[in-house]
Amino acid sequence: KSNSHCRILSSNSLDNMPTKQLPLIANDKATLAPASTPLTHRLVFGALSGMGAATFCHPLDVIRVQMQTDGVAYKNTFDAAAKIYQRAGLLEGLYAGVSAAYLRQWMYGSFRIGIYAYLLEQTQLQNVANGKSKNDISFGQKLAMGCCSGGIGS
């Protein structure tokens, strides 16, 4: 039975792979490694996670900006939130401009998180194929992966 989402590795490289990674499928010529999440799915997951964070953080940014520009009108953060909600409502008040935050996360968050996860997985697979520990990744390598994914996202 074939599985198009699996990567073929030699049987020697699987000795260092954790046994909890499933499904493993046997083939008469080689052993297939566990299926990984495709890059496109990683990009979508990264974007959705960033958009989820923006959903919770955006009202706080609106309150912060309102307090910075018209701080004397509010006693504290809760007073600012209540007055903004009373004046403009939820969508036009506390969530005003959230579409720009979503667009930013769709573009930036997807590349930043998705590409980093992809590069990290590729490095781990390469380590296993070379007989090293899966997590034998130096700080410099992780820094380079982070710079690459952040640079592409920017």
C-alpha atoms as a PDB file:
ATOM      1  CA  LYS A   1       0.000   0.000   0.000  1.00  0.00           C
ATOM      2  CA  SER A   2       1.560   3.324  -0.987  1.00  0.00           C
ATOM      3  CA  ASN A   3       1.374   6.578   0.900  1.00  0.00           C
ATOM      4  CA  SER A   4       2.308   9.668  -1.087  1.00  0.00           C
ATOM      5  CA  HIS A   5       2.885  11.756   2.035  1.00  0.00           C
ATOM      6  CA  CYS A   6       5.757   9.599   3.323  1.00  0.00           C
ATOM      7  CA  ARG A   7       9.443  10.113   2.710  1.00  0.00           C
ATOM      8  CA  ILE A   8      11.678   7.174   1.839  1.00  0.00           C
ATOM      9  CA  LEU A   9      14.675   6.687   4.145  1.00  0.00           C
ATOM     10  CA  SER A  10      17.132   3.853   4.316  1.00  0.00           C
ATOM     11  CA  SER A  11      16.461   1.273   6.995  1.00  0.00           C
ATOM     12  CA  ASN A  12      19.718   2.244   8.802  1.00  0.00           C
ATOM     13  CA  SER A  13      18.560   5.821   9.291  1.00  0.00           C
ATOM     14  CA  LEU A  14      15.429   4.678  11.098  1.00  0.00           C
ATOM     15  CA  ASP A  15      17.375   3.207  14.013  1.00  0.00           C
ATOM     16  CA  ASN A  16      17.642   6.622  15.710  1.00  0.00           C
ATOM     17  CA  MET A  17      14.064   7.676  14.927  1.00  0.00           C
ATOM     18  CA  PRO A  18      11.620   7.696  17.875  1.00  0.00           C
ATOM     19  CA  THR A  19       9.254   4.736  17.849  1.00  0.00           C
ATOM     20  CA  LYS A  20       6.180   6.835  18.623  1.00  0.00           C
ATOM     21  CA  GLN A  21       6.198   8.440  15.161  1.00  0.00           C
ATOM     22  CA  LEU A  22       3.532   6.598  13.200  1.00  0.00           C
ATOM     23  CA  PRO A  23       2.381   5.462  10.699  1.00  0.00           C
ATOM     24  CA  LEU A  24       5.350   3.488   9.385  1.00  0.00           C
ATOM     25  CA  ILE A  25       4.656   1.526   6.225  1.00  0.00           C
ATOM     26  CA  ALA A  26       6.871  -1.327   5.082  1.00  0.00           C
ATOM     27  CA  ASN A  27       7.877  -1.744   1.478  1.00  0.00           C
ATOM     28  CA  ASP A  28       9.937  -4.525  -0.073  1.00  0.00           C
ATOM     29  CA  LYS A  29      12.727  -2.115  -1.127  1.00  0.00           C
ATOM     30  CA  ALA A  30      12.780   0.488   1.661  1.00  0.00           C
ATOM     31  CA  THR A  31      11.014   1.621   4.775  1.00  0.00           C
ATOM     32  CA  LEU A  32       8.898   4.736   4.642  1.00  0.00           C
ATOM     33  CA  ALA A  33       9.299   7.387   7.280  1.00  0.00           C
ATOM     34  CA  PRO A  34       6.282   8.966   8.984  1.00  0.00           C
ATOM     35  CA  ALA A  35       4.182  11.339   6.919  1.00  0.00           C
ATOM     36  CA  SER A  36       5.043  14.977   7.506  1.00  0.00           C
ATOM     37  CA  THR A  37       2.801  17.990   7.256  1.00  0.00           C
ATOM     38  CA  PRO A  38       3.155  19.611   3.810  1.00  0.00           C
ATOM     39  CA  LEU A  39       4.583  23.129   3.624  1.00  0.00           C
ATOM     40  CA  THR A  40       1.298  24.577   2.373  1.00  0.00           C
ATOM     41  CA  HIS A  41      -0.522  23.235   5.438  1.00  0.00           C
ATOM     42  CA  ARG A  42       2.188  24.637   7.707  1.00  0.00           C
ATOM     43  CA  LEU A  43       1.760  28.068   6.097  1.00  0.00           C
ATOM     44  CA  VAL A  44      -2.014  27.961   6.641  1.00  0.00           C
ATOM     45  CA  PHE A  45      -1.606  26.797  10.254  1.00  0.00           C
ATOM     46  CA  GLY A  46       0.911  29.578  10.887  1.00  0.00           C
ATOM     47  CA  ALA A  47      -1.438  32.177   9.424  1.00  0.00           C
ATOM     48  CA  LEU A  48      -4.430  30.914  11.402  1.00  0.00           C
ATOM     49  CA  SER A  49      -2.465  30.879  14.643  1.00  0.00           C
ATOM     50  CA  GLY A  50      -1.343  34.457  14.043  1.00  0.00           C
ATOM     51  CA  MET A  51      -4.898  35.504  13.219  1.00  0.00           C
ATOM     52  CA  GLY A  52      -6.105  33.841  16.422  1.00  0.00           C
ATOM     53  CA  ALA A  53      -3.561  35.805  18.416  1.00  0.00           C
ATOM     54  CA  ALA A  54      -4.607  39.020  16.649  1.00  0.00           C
ATOM     55  CA  THR A  55      -8.237  38.341  17.581  1.00  0.00           C
ATOM     56  CA  PHE A  56      -7.341  38.469  21.268  1.00  0.00           C
ATOM     57  CA  CYS A  57      -4.641  41.160  21.145  1.00  0.00           C
ATOM     58  CA  HIS A  58      -6.198  43.687  18.753  1.00  0.00           C
ATOM     59  CA  PRO A  59      -8.722  45.115  21.255  1.00  0.00           C
ATOM     60  CA  LEU A  60      -5.849  45.672  23.693  1.00  0.00           C
ATOM     61  CA  ASP A  61      -3.937  47.574  21.003  1.00  0.00           C
ATOM     62  CA  VAL A  62      -6.999  49.728  20.291  1.00  0.00           C
ATOM     63  CA  ILE A  63      -7.336  50.511  23.999  1.00  0.00           C
ATOM     64  CA  ARG A  64      -3.610  51.293  24.274  1.00  0.00           C
ATOM     65  CA  VAL A  65      -3.664  53.657  21.301  1.00  0.00           C
ATOM     66  CA  GLN A  66      -6.809  55.403  22.553  1.00  0.00           C
ATOM     67  CA  MET A  67      -5.258  55.855  25.990  1.00  0.00           C
ATOM     68  CA  GLN A  68      -2.052  57.231  24.467  1.00  0.00           C
ATOM     69  CA  THR A  69      -3.839  59.715  22.229  1.00  0.00           C
ATOM     70  CA  ASP A  70      -6.605  60.739  24.636  1.00  0.00           C
ATOM     71  CA  GLY A  71      -5.393  59.415  27.993  1.00  0.00           C
ATOM     72  CA  VAL A  72      -6.970  62.093  30.168  1.00  0.00           C
ATOM     73  CA  ALA A  73     -10.449  60.897  29.171  1.00  0.00           C
ATOM     74  CA  TYR A  74      -9.936  57.505  30.813  1.00  0.00           C
ATOM     75  CA  LYS A  75      -9.316  56.539  34.431  1.00  0.00           C
ATOM     76  CA  ASN A  76      -7.747  53.148  33.638  1.00  0.00           C
ATOM     77  CA  THR A  77      -7.674  50.367  31.049  1.00  0.00           C
ATOM     78  CA  PHE A  78     -11.067  48.972  32.003  1.00  0.00           C
ATOM     79  CA  ASP A  79     -12.649  52.424  31.873  1.00  0.00           C
ATOM     80  CA  ALA A  80     -11.152  52.965  28.405  1.00  0.00           C
ATOM     81  CA  ALA A  81     -12.505  49.620  27.179  1.00  0.00           C
ATOM     82  CA  ALA A  82     -15.971  50.358  28.515  1.00  0.00           C
ATOM     83  CA  LYS A  83     -16.095  53.862  27.011  1.00  0.00           C
ATOM     84  CA  ILE A  84     -14.792  52.715  23.619  1.00  0.00           C
ATOM     85  CA  TYR A  85     -17.401  49.935  23.589  1.00  0.00           C
ATOM     86  CA  GLN A  86     -20.203  52.335  24.589  1.00  0.00           C
ATOM     87  CA  ARG A  87     -19.146  54.918  22.005  1.00  0.00           C
ATOM     88  CA  ALA A  88     -18.506  52.692  18.953  1.00  0.00           C
ATOM     89  CA  GLY A  89     -19.483  49.124  19.816  1.00  0.00           C
ATOM     90  CA  LEU A  90     -17.532  45.929  19.453  1.00  0.00           C
ATOM     91  CA  LEU A  91     -16.801  45.757  15.715  1.00  0.00           C
ATOM     92  CA  GLU A  92     -16.408  49.486  15.016  1.00  0.00           C
ATOM     93  CA  GLY A  93     -14.758  50.224  18.352  1.00  0.00           C
ATOM     94  CA  LEU A  94     -12.608  47.529  19.926  1.00  0.00           C
ATOM     95  CA  TYR A  95     -12.119  45.636  16.656  1.00  0.00           C
ATOM     96  CA  ALA A  96     -11.711  48.656  14.381  1.00  0.00           C
ATOM     97  CA  GLY A  97      -8.954  47.879  11.876  1.00  0.00           C
ATOM     98  CA  VAL A  98      -8.734  44.174  12.698  1.00  0.00           C
ATOM     99  CA  SER A  99      -8.767  43.306   8.976  1.00  0.00           C
ATOM    100  CA  ALA A 100      -5.328  44.899   8.598  1.00  0.00           C
ATOM    101  CA  ALA A 101      -4.062  42.847  11.537  1.00  0.00           C
ATOM    102  CA  TYR A 102      -5.465  39.681   9.930  1.00  0.00           C
ATOM    103  CA  LEU A 103      -3.861  40.478   6.591  1.00  0.00           C
ATOM    104  CA  ARG A 104      -0.511  41.068   8.279  1.00  0.00           C
ATOM    105  CA  GLN A 105      -0.726  37.752  10.117  1.00  0.00           C
ATOM    106  CA  TRP A 106      -1.828  35.932   6.960  1.00  0.00           C
ATOM    107  CA  MET A 107       1.242  37.183   5.114  1.00  0.00           C
ATOM    108  CA  TYR A 108       3.877  37.487   7.845  1.00  0.00           C
ATOM    109  CA  GLY A 109       2.785  34.836  10.336  1.00  0.00           C
ATOM    110  CA  SER A 110       2.299  32.146   7.755  1.00  0.00           C
ATOM    111  CA  PHE A 111       5.831  32.477   6.395  1.00  0.00           C
ATOM    112  CA  ARG A 112       7.500  33.085   9.734  1.00  0.00           C
ATOM    113  CA  ILE A 113       5.993  30.082  11.494  1.00  0.00           C
ATOM    114  CA  GLY A 114       5.415  27.789   8.519  1.00  0.00           C
ATOM    115  CA  ILE A 115       8.840  28.068   6.915  1.00  0.00           C
ATOM    116  CA  TYR A 116      10.669  27.808  10.245  1.00  0.00           C
ATOM    117  CA  ALA A 117       8.782  24.593  11.101  1.00  0.00           C
ATOM    118  CA  TYR A 118       9.511  23.205   7.631  1.00  0.00           C
ATOM    119  CA  LEU A 119      13.231  24.017   7.826  1.00  0.00           C
ATOM    120  CA  LEU A 120      13.443  22.565  11.333  1.00  0.00           C
ATOM    121  CA  GLU A 121      11.813  19.314  10.202  1.00  0.00           C
ATOM    122  CA  GLN A 122      14.100  19.043   7.171  1.00  0.00           C
ATOM    123  CA  THR A 123      17.152  19.506   9.403  1.00  0.00           C
ATOM    124  CA  GLN A 124      15.869  16.851  11.806  1.00  0.00           C
ATOM    125  CA  LEU A 125      15.301  14.403   8.942  1.00  0.00           C
ATOM    126  CA  GLN A 126      18.791  15.117   7.615  1.00  0.00           C
ATOM    127  CA  ASN A 127      20.261  14.495  11.075  1.00  0.00           C
ATOM    128  CA  VAL A 128      18.472  11.147  11.323  1.00  0.00           C
ATOM    129  CA  ALA A 129      19.607  10.179   7.816  1.00  0.00           C
ATOM    130  CA  ASN A 130      23.212  11.006   8.799  1.00  0.00           C
ATOM    131  CA  GLY A 131      22.999   8.870  11.949  1.00  0.00           C
ATOM    132  CA  LYS A 132      22.908  11.816  14.359  1.00  0.00           C
ATOM    133  CA  SER A 133      20.350  12.600  17.024  1.00  0.00           C
ATOM    134  CA  LYS A 134      17.226  14.196  15.589  1.00  0.00           C
ATOM    135  CA  ASN A 135      17.568  17.251  17.834  1.00  0.00           C
ATOM    136  CA  ASP A 136      21.318  17.757  17.321  1.00  0.00           C
ATOM    137  CA  ILE A 137      20.785  21.250  15.918  1.00  0.00           C
ATOM    138  CA  SER A 138      23.095  24.072  16.921  1.00  0.00           C
ATOM    139  CA  PHE A 139      22.006  27.524  18.014  1.00  0.00           C
ATOM    140  CA  GLY A 140      23.593  28.928  14.855  1.00  0.00           C
ATOM    141  CA  GLN A 141      21.505  26.641  12.639  1.00  0.00           C
ATOM    142  CA  LYS A 142      18.310  27.620  14.470  1.00  0.00           C
ATOM    143  CA  LEU A 143      19.283  31.281  14.222  1.00  0.00           C
ATOM    144  CA  ALA A 144      19.839  30.916  10.479  1.00  0.00           C
ATOM    145  CA  MET A 145      16.452  29.185  10.071  1.00  0.00           C
ATOM    146  CA  GLY A 146      14.759  31.942  12.066  1.00  0.00           C
ATOM    147  CA  CYS A 147      16.457  34.686  10.054  1.00  0.00           C
ATOM    148  CA  CYS A 148      15.515  32.981   6.806  1.00  0.00           C
ATOM    149  CA  SER A 149      11.860  32.501   7.718  1.00  0.00           C
ATOM    150  CA  GLY A 150      11.544  35.961   9.268  1.00  0.00           C
ATOM    151  CA  GLY A 151      13.246  37.576   6.292  1.00  0.00           C
ATOM    152  CA  ILE A 152      10.971  35.821   3.834  1.00  0.00           C
ATOM    153  CA  GLY A 153       7.947  36.796   5.944  1.00  0.00           C
ATOM    154  CA  SER A 154       8.977  40.421   6.008  1.00  0.00           C
END
